[in-house]
């Protein structure tokens, strides 16, 4: 993953994303699809996890086999919508350490306001994956990664469901060392800072709120 942006164009990812975009998809369906798609995206974002070897005994013979090396990775959810992506990834990587950063977007300025932060220790020794379904203006993502770098994180990835060109550019400007993995790069933002064509507010659709 050498590029700043990776769009996962796997047919299953694209099919599930289309159903999620459809405004007639129920809250339960949206939530289930988000968990399923996050599993598929997790394969891509963890592609560069470090491996070492260990000696095991199979039913047939002893062998030297690959195993993950180093500290357990850290998953950081940008509240609240990030939790939907995180749940699916934890099914794949149940031993991951988990952190939360609470940010909301001021509706007037579109700037992020932090209200909560609790992250794992030893971030300098862990791959750290930040999850948020929507990379829109990029302001919240940049603020979250600023905070994580201050906490010591060095090996960072950003995982989202949808990204806008504006958000990708903002992230590349602020954090060119943080690769982005997404299911789709959409057309852009509307006057309210929402991704279009997008899928609406991911948190509202996931939790059934307005």
C-alpha atoms as a PDB file:
ATOM      1  CA  UNK A   1       0.000   0.000   0.000  1.00  0.00           C
ATOM      2  CA  UNK A   2       2.320   2.699  -1.244  1.00  0.00           C
ATOM      3  CA  UNK A   3      -0.289   5.115  -2.573  1.00  0.00           C
ATOM      4  CA  UNK A   4      -1.956   7.631  -0.318  1.00  0.00           C
ATOM      5  CA  UNK A   5      -5.412   6.404  -1.382  1.00  0.00           C
ATOM      6  CA  UNK A   6      -6.563   2.825  -1.984  1.00  0.00           C
ATOM      7  CA  UNK A   7     -10.085   2.273  -3.349  1.00  0.00           C
ATOM      8  CA  UNK A   8     -11.175  -1.312  -2.716  1.00  0.00           C
ATOM      9  CA  UNK A   9     -13.075  -2.210  -5.883  1.00  0.00           C
ATOM     10  CA  UNK A  10     -13.809  -5.832  -4.963  1.00  0.00           C
ATOM     11  CA  UNK A  11     -17.204  -6.821  -6.438  1.00  0.00           C
ATOM     12  CA  UNK A  12     -18.649  -7.803  -3.039  1.00  0.00           C
ATOM     13  CA  UNK A  13     -17.608  -4.460  -1.535  1.00  0.00           C
ATOM     14  CA  UNK A  14     -19.171  -2.514  -4.404  1.00  0.00           C
ATOM     15  CA  UNK A  15     -22.395  -4.563  -4.356  1.00  0.00           C
ATOM     16  CA  UNK A  16     -22.892  -4.127  -0.600  1.00  0.00           C
ATOM     17  CA  UNK A  17     -22.090  -0.423  -0.831  1.00  0.00           C
ATOM     18  CA  UNK A  18     -24.776   0.074  -3.491  1.00  0.00           C
ATOM     19  CA  UNK A  19     -27.409  -1.447  -1.200  1.00  0.00           C
ATOM     20  CA  UNK A  20     -26.199   0.761   1.662  1.00  0.00           C
ATOM     21  CA  UNK A  21     -26.532   3.890  -0.495  1.00  0.00           C
ATOM     22  CA  UNK A  22     -30.177   3.070  -1.295  1.00  0.00           C
ATOM     23  CA  UNK A  23     -32.366   5.208   0.980  1.00  0.00           C
ATOM     24  CA  UNK A  24     -34.930   2.384   1.225  1.00  0.00           C
ATOM     25  CA  UNK A  25     -32.453   0.081   3.020  1.00  0.00           C
ATOM     26  CA  UNK A  26     -33.566  -0.425   6.621  1.00  0.00           C
ATOM     27  CA  UNK A  27     -31.556   0.469   9.713  1.00  0.00           C
ATOM     28  CA  UNK A  28     -31.043  -3.235  10.473  1.00  0.00           C
ATOM     29  CA  UNK A  29     -29.952  -3.901   6.900  1.00  0.00           C
ATOM     30  CA  UNK A  30     -27.596  -0.921   6.865  1.00  0.00           C
ATOM     31  CA  UNK A  31     -25.997  -2.028  10.129  1.00  0.00           C
ATOM     32  CA  UNK A  32     -25.534  -5.607   8.909  1.00  0.00           C
ATOM     33  CA  UNK A  33     -24.037  -4.485   5.612  1.00  0.00           C
ATOM     34  CA  UNK A  34     -21.660  -2.089   7.355  1.00  0.00           C
ATOM     35  CA  UNK A  35     -20.362  -4.934   9.505  1.00  0.00           C
ATOM     36  CA  UNK A  36     -19.950  -7.175   6.440  1.00  0.00           C
ATOM     37  CA  UNK A  37     -18.223  -4.529   4.326  1.00  0.00           C
ATOM     38  CA  UNK A  38     -15.880  -3.617   7.186  1.00  0.00           C
ATOM     39  CA  UNK A  39     -14.627  -7.208   7.263  1.00  0.00           C
ATOM     40  CA  UNK A  40     -13.762  -6.987   3.573  1.00  0.00           C
ATOM     41  CA  UNK A  41     -12.086  -3.571   3.950  1.00  0.00           C
ATOM     42  CA  UNK A  42     -10.118  -4.873   6.940  1.00  0.00           C
ATOM     43  CA  UNK A  43      -8.344  -7.379   4.687  1.00  0.00           C
ATOM     44  CA  UNK A  44      -6.927  -4.499   2.653  1.00  0.00           C
ATOM     45  CA  UNK A  45      -6.007  -2.153   5.501  1.00  0.00           C
ATOM     46  CA  UNK A  46      -4.122  -4.920   7.375  1.00  0.00           C
ATOM     47  CA  UNK A  47      -2.227  -6.123   4.301  1.00  0.00           C
ATOM     48  CA  UNK A  48       1.095  -4.803   5.658  1.00  0.00           C
ATOM     49  CA  UNK A  49       0.949  -6.211   9.167  1.00  0.00           C
ATOM     50  CA  UNK A  50       4.379  -7.522  10.145  1.00  0.00           C
ATOM     51  CA  UNK A  51       4.887 -11.270  10.213  1.00  0.00           C
ATOM     52  CA  UNK A  52       7.375 -13.489  11.987  1.00  0.00           C
ATOM     53  CA  UNK A  53       7.506 -17.289  12.260  1.00  0.00           C
ATOM     54  CA  UNK A  54       6.830 -19.845  14.946  1.00  0.00           C
ATOM     55  CA  UNK A  55       7.353 -23.599  15.130  1.00  0.00           C
ATOM     56  CA  UNK A  56       4.165 -25.646  15.426  1.00  0.00           C
ATOM     57  CA  UNK A  57       3.193 -29.287  15.243  1.00  0.00           C
ATOM     58  CA  UNK A  58       0.562 -30.144  12.626  1.00  0.00           C
ATOM     59  CA  UNK A  59      -1.197 -33.545  12.726  1.00  0.00           C
ATOM     60  CA  UNK A  60       1.394 -34.635  10.173  1.00  0.00           C
ATOM     61  CA  UNK A  61       4.704 -33.065  11.225  1.00  0.00           C
ATOM     62  CA  UNK A  62       6.515 -30.089  12.727  1.00  0.00           C
ATOM     63  CA  UNK A  63       6.681 -26.936  10.606  1.00  0.00           C
ATOM     64  CA  UNK A  64       7.793 -23.316  10.735  1.00  0.00           C
ATOM     65  CA  UNK A  65       4.692 -21.190  10.075  1.00  0.00           C
ATOM     66  CA  UNK A  66       3.923 -17.461   9.785  1.00  0.00           C
ATOM     67  CA  UNK A  67       2.359 -15.548  12.673  1.00  0.00           C
ATOM     68  CA  UNK A  68       1.755 -11.888  13.461  1.00  0.00           C
ATOM     69  CA  UNK A  69       4.676 -10.047  14.988  1.00  0.00           C
ATOM     70  CA  UNK A  70       4.831  -7.316  17.596  1.00  0.00           C
ATOM     71  CA  UNK A  71       2.188  -5.600  19.694  1.00  0.00           C
ATOM     72  CA  UNK A  72      -1.499  -6.129  18.955  1.00  0.00           C
ATOM     73  CA  UNK A  73      -2.779  -3.488  16.547  1.00  0.00           C
ATOM     74  CA  UNK A  74      -4.926  -0.604  17.761  1.00  0.00           C
ATOM     75  CA  UNK A  75      -8.342   0.264  16.357  1.00  0.00           C
ATOM     76  CA  UNK A  76      -9.488   3.820  16.981  1.00  0.00           C
ATOM     77  CA  UNK A  77     -13.143   4.666  16.386  1.00  0.00           C
ATOM     78  CA  UNK A  78     -14.163   8.259  15.691  1.00  0.00           C
ATOM     79  CA  UNK A  79     -17.452   8.378  17.593  1.00  0.00           C
ATOM     80  CA  UNK A  80     -20.139   7.628  16.977  1.00  0.00           C
ATOM     81  CA  UNK A  81     -20.328   6.313  13.425  1.00  0.00           C
ATOM     82  CA  UNK A  82     -16.872   4.725  13.569  1.00  0.00           C
ATOM     83  CA  UNK A  83     -18.235   2.042  15.883  1.00  0.00           C
ATOM     84  CA  UNK A  84     -20.117   0.405  13.021  1.00  0.00           C
ATOM     85  CA  UNK A  85     -16.902  -0.194  11.088  1.00  0.00           C
ATOM     86  CA  UNK A  86     -14.991  -1.193  14.204  1.00  0.00           C
ATOM     87  CA  UNK A  87     -17.446  -3.955  15.151  1.00  0.00           C
ATOM     88  CA  UNK A  88     -16.821  -5.813  11.911  1.00  0.00           C
ATOM     89  CA  UNK A  89     -13.045  -5.472  12.104  1.00  0.00           C
ATOM     90  CA  UNK A  90     -13.058  -6.827  15.667  1.00  0.00           C
ATOM     91  CA  UNK A  91     -14.708  -9.997  14.371  1.00  0.00           C
ATOM     92  CA  UNK A  92     -11.645 -10.462  12.161  1.00  0.00           C
ATOM     93  CA  UNK A  93      -9.065  -9.257  14.716  1.00  0.00           C
ATOM     94  CA  UNK A  94     -10.609  -9.903  18.158  1.00  0.00           C
ATOM     95  CA  UNK A  95      -7.335  -9.320  20.025  1.00  0.00           C
ATOM     96  CA  UNK A  96      -6.954  -5.724  18.767  1.00  0.00           C
ATOM     97  CA  UNK A  97      -6.730  -2.944  21.327  1.00  0.00           C
ATOM     98  CA  UNK A  98      -9.545  -0.411  21.005  1.00  0.00           C
ATOM     99  CA  UNK A  99      -9.705   3.343  21.512  1.00  0.00           C
ATOM    100  CA  UNK A 100     -12.297   6.062  21.004  1.00  0.00           C
ATOM    101  CA  UNK A 101     -12.103   9.695  19.972  1.00  0.00           C
ATOM    102  CA  UNK A 102     -15.281  11.719  20.344  1.00  0.00           C
ATOM    103  CA  UNK A 103     -15.639  14.517  17.792  1.00  0.00           C
ATOM    104  CA  UNK A 104     -18.661  16.346  16.510  1.00  0.00           C
ATOM    105  CA  UNK A 105     -18.793  18.786  13.617  1.00  0.00           C
ATOM    106  CA  UNK A 106     -19.880  22.329  14.415  1.00  0.00           C
ATOM    107  CA  UNK A 107     -22.761  22.917  11.951  1.00  0.00           C
ATOM    108  CA  UNK A 108     -21.730  26.533  11.369  1.00  0.00           C
ATOM    109  CA  UNK A 109     -17.967  26.260  10.958  1.00  0.00           C
ATOM    110  CA  UNK A 110     -17.796  22.558   9.935  1.00  0.00           C
ATOM    111  CA  UNK A 111     -14.798  22.341  12.298  1.00  0.00           C
ATOM    112  CA  UNK A 112     -14.392  19.375  14.687  1.00  0.00           C
ATOM    113  CA  UNK A 113     -14.994  19.794  18.400  1.00  0.00           C
ATOM    114  CA  UNK A 114     -13.480  17.118  20.664  1.00  0.00           C
ATOM    115  CA  UNK A 115     -15.497  15.863  23.620  1.00  0.00           C
ATOM    116  CA  UNK A 116     -13.844  12.510  24.480  1.00  0.00           C
ATOM    117  CA  UNK A 117     -10.579  10.603  24.051  1.00  0.00           C
ATOM    118  CA  UNK A 118      -9.444   7.231  25.407  1.00  0.00           C
ATOM    119  CA  UNK A 119      -6.770   5.357  23.453  1.00  0.00           C
ATOM    120  CA  UNK A 120      -4.557   2.294  24.089  1.00  0.00           C
ATOM    121  CA  UNK A 121      -1.040   2.638  25.461  1.00  0.00           C
ATOM    122  CA  UNK A 122       2.192   2.016  23.536  1.00  0.00           C
ATOM    123  CA  UNK A 123       0.771   3.376  20.277  1.00  0.00           C
ATOM    124  CA  UNK A 124       4.336   3.907  19.076  1.00  0.00           C
ATOM    125  CA  UNK A 125       4.683   0.099  18.903  1.00  0.00           C
ATOM    126  CA  UNK A 126       1.356  -0.686  17.225  1.00  0.00           C
ATOM    127  CA  UNK A 127      -0.153  -0.338  13.778  1.00  0.00           C
ATOM    128  CA  UNK A 128      -3.021   2.074  14.472  1.00  0.00           C
ATOM    129  CA  UNK A 129      -6.131   1.985  12.277  1.00  0.00           C
ATOM    130  CA  UNK A 130      -8.508   4.934  12.543  1.00  0.00           C
ATOM    131  CA  UNK A 131     -12.069   4.142  11.429  1.00  0.00           C
ATOM    132  CA  UNK A 132     -14.879   6.494  10.403  1.00  0.00           C
ATOM    133  CA  UNK A 133     -17.413   5.679   7.659  1.00  0.00           C
ATOM    134  CA  UNK A 134     -17.241   9.104   5.997  1.00  0.00           C
ATOM    135  CA  UNK A 135     -14.179  11.131   4.989  1.00  0.00           C
ATOM    136  CA  UNK A 136     -16.025  14.340   4.062  1.00  0.00           C
ATOM    137  CA  UNK A 137     -14.276  17.654   4.784  1.00  0.00           C
ATOM    138  CA  UNK A 138     -11.403  15.750   6.406  1.00  0.00           C
ATOM    139  CA  UNK A 139     -11.350  18.096   9.404  1.00  0.00           C
ATOM    140  CA  UNK A 140     -12.405  15.494  11.987  1.00  0.00           C
ATOM    141  CA  UNK A 141     -10.028  12.887  10.574  1.00  0.00           C
ATOM    142  CA  UNK A 142      -7.093  15.295  10.634  1.00  0.00           C
ATOM    143  CA  UNK A 143      -7.927  16.303  14.225  1.00  0.00           C
ATOM    144  CA  UNK A 144      -8.127  12.662  15.335  1.00  0.00           C
ATOM    145  CA  UNK A 145      -4.805  11.778  13.736  1.00  0.00           C
ATOM    146  CA  UNK A 146      -3.193  14.903  15.234  1.00  0.00           C
ATOM    147  CA  UNK A 147      -4.272  13.628  18.652  1.00  0.00           C
ATOM    148  CA  UNK A 148      -3.011  10.090  17.988  1.00  0.00           C
ATOM    149  CA  UNK A 149       0.372  11.321  16.806  1.00  0.00           C
ATOM    150  CA  UNK A 150       0.634  13.376  19.996  1.00  0.00           C
ATOM    151  CA  UNK A 151      -0.075  10.113  21.875  1.00  0.00           C
ATOM    152  CA  UNK A 152       2.881   8.489  20.088  1.00  0.00           C
ATOM    153  CA  UNK A 153       1.314   6.712  17.102  1.00  0.00           C
ATOM    154  CA  UNK A 154       3.683   6.424  14.152  1.00  0.00           C
ATOM    155  CA  UNK A 155       2.273   3.661  11.924  1.00  0.00           C
ATOM    156  CA  UNK A 156      -1.220   4.911  11.068  1.00  0.00           C
ATOM    157  CA  UNK A 157      -3.936   3.946   8.568  1.00  0.00           C
ATOM    158  CA  UNK A 158      -7.321   5.562   7.942  1.00  0.00           C
ATOM    159  CA  UNK A 159     -10.246   3.327   6.967  1.00  0.00           C
ATOM    160  CA  UNK A 160     -13.537   4.727   5.674  1.00  0.00           C
ATOM    161  CA  UNK A 161     -16.533   3.633   3.661  1.00  0.00           C
ATOM    162  CA  UNK A 162     -16.779   6.740   1.466  1.00  0.00           C
ATOM    163  CA  UNK A 163     -14.316   9.533   0.750  1.00  0.00           C
ATOM    164  CA  UNK A 164     -14.633  12.897  -0.995  1.00  0.00           C
ATOM    165  CA  UNK A 165     -11.830  14.398  -3.115  1.00  0.00           C
ATOM    166  CA  UNK A 166     -11.800  17.367  -0.693  1.00  0.00           C
ATOM    167  CA  UNK A 167     -11.328  15.093   2.322  1.00  0.00           C
ATOM    168  CA  UNK A 168      -8.572  13.085   0.647  1.00  0.00           C
ATOM    169  CA  UNK A 169      -6.739  16.301  -0.305  1.00  0.00           C
ATOM    170  CA  UNK A 170      -7.077  17.684   3.241  1.00  0.00           C
ATOM    171  CA  UNK A 171      -5.688  14.466   4.730  1.00  0.00           C
ATOM    172  CA  UNK A 172      -2.835  14.321   2.237  1.00  0.00           C
ATOM    173  CA  UNK A 173      -1.896  17.904   3.052  1.00  0.00           C
ATOM    174  CA  UNK A 174      -1.971  17.390   6.831  1.00  0.00           C
ATOM    175  CA  UNK A 175      -0.851  13.751   7.092  1.00  0.00           C
ATOM    176  CA  UNK A 176       0.816  12.554   3.873  1.00  0.00           C
ATOM    177  CA  UNK A 177       2.252   9.589   5.801  1.00  0.00           C
ATOM    178  CA  UNK A 178      -1.206   8.126   6.585  1.00  0.00           C
ATOM    179  CA  UNK A 179      -2.631   5.874   3.825  1.00  0.00           C
ATOM    180  CA  UNK A 180      -6.399   5.955   3.266  1.00  0.00           C
ATOM    181  CA  UNK A 181      -8.397   2.829   2.432  1.00  0.00           C
ATOM    182  CA  UNK A 182     -11.978   3.335   1.207  1.00  0.00           C
ATOM    183  CA  UNK A 183     -14.721   1.570  -0.714  1.00  0.00           C
ATOM    184  CA  UNK A 184     -15.444   4.571  -2.974  1.00  0.00           C
ATOM    185  CA  UNK A 185     -14.233   8.034  -3.903  1.00  0.00           C
ATOM    186  CA  UNK A 186     -17.419  10.064  -4.478  1.00  0.00           C
ATOM    187  CA  UNK A 187     -18.005  13.251  -6.504  1.00  0.00           C
ATOM    188  CA  UNK A 188     -17.614  15.836  -3.768  1.00  0.00           C
ATOM    189  CA  UNK A 189     -19.355  17.754  -0.979  1.00  0.00           C
ATOM    190  CA  UNK A 190     -22.604  19.708  -0.917  1.00  0.00           C
ATOM    191  CA  UNK A 191     -23.017  23.124   0.746  1.00  0.00           C
ATOM    192  CA  UNK A 192     -23.526  21.442   4.133  1.00  0.00           C
ATOM    193  CA  UNK A 193     -20.308  19.419   3.907  1.00  0.00           C
ATOM    194  CA  UNK A 194     -22.042  16.107   3.171  1.00  0.00           C
ATOM    195  CA  UNK A 195     -20.641  13.659   0.625  1.00  0.00           C
ATOM    196  CA  UNK A 196     -22.605  13.397  -2.643  1.00  0.00           C
ATOM    197  CA  UNK A 197     -23.987  11.147  -3.970  1.00  0.00           C
ATOM    198  CA  UNK A 198     -23.013   9.546  -0.656  1.00  0.00           C
ATOM    199  CA  UNK A 199     -25.427   7.639   1.554  1.00  0.00           C
ATOM    200  CA  UNK A 200     -26.682  10.305   3.953  1.00  0.00           C
ATOM    201  CA  UNK A 201     -25.579  10.520   7.581  1.00  0.00           C
ATOM    202  CA  UNK A 202     -23.935   7.183   8.398  1.00  0.00           C
ATOM    203  CA  UNK A 203     -24.546   7.513  12.141  1.00  0.00           C
ATOM    204  CA  UNK A 204     -28.249   8.275  11.707  1.00  0.00           C
ATOM    205  CA  UNK A 205     -28.719   5.399   9.261  1.00  0.00           C
ATOM    206  CA  UNK A 206     -26.802   2.984  11.506  1.00  0.00           C
ATOM    207  CA  UNK A 207     -28.545   3.874  14.759  1.00  0.00           C
ATOM    208  CA  UNK A 208     -31.988   4.867  13.445  1.00  0.00           C
ATOM    209  CA  UNK A 209     -31.734   8.466  14.624  1.00  0.00           C
ATOM    210  CA  UNK A 210     -32.460  11.751  12.884  1.00  0.00           C
END
